[in-house]
Protein backbone atom coordinates (compact mmCIF):
# COMPACT_ATOMS: atom_id res chain seq x y z
CA MET A 1 -23.38 29.37 6.13
CA SER A 2 -21.29 28.36 9.12
CA GLU A 3 -17.58 27.60 8.93
CA ASN A 4 -18.08 23.84 9.37
CA SER A 5 -20.60 23.50 6.54
CA GLN A 6 -18.48 25.16 3.85
CA HIS A 7 -17.07 22.87 1.19
CA HIS A 8 -13.66 23.27 -0.34
CA VAL A 9 -13.67 23.29 -4.14
CA VAL A 10 -10.84 21.32 -5.68
CA SER A 11 -9.57 22.12 -9.16
CA PRO A 12 -10.14 19.48 -11.85
CA LYS A 13 -6.46 19.92 -12.76
CA LEU A 14 -5.50 18.77 -9.26
CA TYR A 15 -7.78 15.75 -9.59
CA ALA A 16 -6.15 14.93 -12.94
CA ALA A 17 -2.67 15.25 -11.39
CA ILE A 18 -3.64 12.96 -8.51
CA LEU A 19 -5.15 10.47 -10.94
CA GLY A 20 -1.90 10.55 -12.92
CA ALA A 21 0.09 9.93 -9.74
CA LEU A 22 -2.16 6.97 -8.86
CA LEU A 23 -1.76 5.50 -12.33
CA LEU A 24 2.01 5.97 -12.08
CA GLY A 25 1.95 4.24 -8.69
CA THR A 26 0.04 1.33 -10.19
CA TYR A 27 2.57 1.09 -13.05
CA LEU A 28 5.45 1.16 -10.55
CA THR A 29 3.78 -1.58 -8.51
CA VAL A 30 3.50 -3.82 -11.58
CA GLN A 31 7.11 -3.14 -12.60
CA ALA A 32 8.39 -3.72 -9.06
CA ALA A 33 6.64 -7.10 -9.02
CA LYS A 34 8.74 -8.15 -12.03
CA ILE A 35 12.02 -7.40 -10.24
CA ASP A 36 13.42 -9.77 -7.63
CA LEU A 37 14.49 -7.63 -4.68
CA GLY A 38 14.41 -10.50 -2.23
CA ARG A 39 12.93 -9.48 1.11
CA TRP A 40 12.57 -5.87 -0.05
CA ASN A 41 9.75 -6.64 -2.52
CA ILE A 42 7.15 -6.48 0.25
CA VAL A 43 8.61 -3.25 1.64
CA LEU A 44 8.52 -1.58 -1.78
CA ALA A 45 4.99 -2.79 -2.52
CA LEU A 46 3.67 -1.59 0.85
CA THR A 47 5.42 1.78 0.46
CA ILE A 48 3.83 2.37 -2.95
CA ALA A 49 0.43 1.23 -1.63
CA THR A 50 0.68 3.56 1.37
CA ILE A 51 1.51 6.54 -0.85
CA LYS A 52 -1.42 5.76 -3.13
CA MET A 53 -3.74 5.34 -0.15
CA SER A 54 -2.59 8.69 1.23
CA LEU A 55 -3.37 10.46 -2.05
CA VAL A 56 -6.86 8.95 -2.17
CA ILE A 57 -7.64 9.88 1.44
CA LEU A 58 -6.19 13.39 1.28
CA PHE A 59 -7.62 14.50 -2.05
CA PHE A 60 -10.42 12.27 -3.33
CA MET A 61 -11.92 11.87 0.14
CA HIS A 62 -11.14 15.53 1.01
CA GLY A 63 -9.22 14.58 4.15
CA LYS A 64 -6.88 17.50 3.57
CA TYR A 65 -9.76 19.97 3.79
CA SER A 66 -11.71 18.30 6.62
CA THR A 67 -12.25 19.52 10.16
CA ARG A 68 -9.54 18.91 12.76
CA ARG A 69 -11.52 16.12 14.38
CA THR A 70 -11.80 14.26 11.08
CA GLN A 71 -8.09 14.80 10.47
CA LEU A 72 -7.38 13.34 13.91
CA VAL A 73 -9.35 10.21 12.98
CA ILE A 74 -7.39 9.95 9.72
CA ILE A 75 -4.06 10.38 11.52
CA SER A 76 -5.13 7.75 14.06
CA GLY A 77 -5.81 5.38 11.19
CA PHE A 78 -2.32 5.99 9.80
CA PHE A 79 -0.84 5.43 13.26
CA TRP A 80 -2.68 2.11 13.52
CA LEU A 81 -1.53 1.18 9.99
CA ALA A 82 2.08 1.93 10.99
CA ILE A 83 1.73 -0.36 14.01
CA MET A 84 0.28 -3.18 11.92
CA LEU A 85 2.89 -2.81 9.14
CA GLY A 86 5.68 -2.63 11.70
CA LEU A 87 4.52 -5.83 13.39
CA THR A 88 4.06 -7.55 10.03
CA LEU A 89 7.50 -6.56 8.80
CA THR A 90 9.08 -7.56 12.10
CA ASP A 91 7.55 -11.01 11.76
CA TYR A 92 8.50 -11.19 8.08
CA THR A 93 12.14 -10.25 8.65
CA ALA A 94 12.51 -12.56 11.67
CA ARG A 95 11.62 -15.68 9.70
CA LYS A 96 14.27 -17.97 8.32
CA PRO A 97 14.02 -18.80 4.64
CA GLU A 98 12.10 -21.99 4.03
CA PRO A 99 13.98 -24.54 1.96
CA SER A 100 12.67 -24.62 -1.55
CA ARG A 101 10.40 -27.54 -2.25
CA SER A 102 11.51 -27.53 -5.87
CA ALA A 103 15.18 -28.05 -4.92
CA ASN A 104 14.50 -31.66 -3.91
CA PRO A 105 11.42 -32.79 -5.81
CA PRO A 106 9.86 -36.02 -4.60
CA ALA A 107 10.56 -39.08 -6.68
CA ALA A 108 7.89 -39.79 -9.24
CA VAL A 109 5.78 -42.82 -8.54
CA ILE A 110 5.09 -44.80 -11.68
CA HIS A 111 2.17 -47.19 -11.64
CA ARG A 112 2.26 -49.89 -14.29
CA ALA A 113 -0.73 -51.97 -15.04
């Protein structure tokens, strides 16, 4: 068997630990959604999502044990994700808060027959 065709065997205990970390990340996401952090809610949610995505790619998709070329493609994907998140957060933080529509509700129109 050549070096490139060998498969790395991952311990079921490691899979269980990663699954636990993903479940914890999901729990933290739900709890973070219940807390009003203002503009930081999106940053926290994206940070948790990025960590969870990294765990899935590295361990469940065996990115950690792949060839260097595959790892380069994965790193390129993370680089592109960083660019997109950076541009999104730049746009998000540059916006001015929109006045609340509920602060000045429109007058109710009453139709009488």
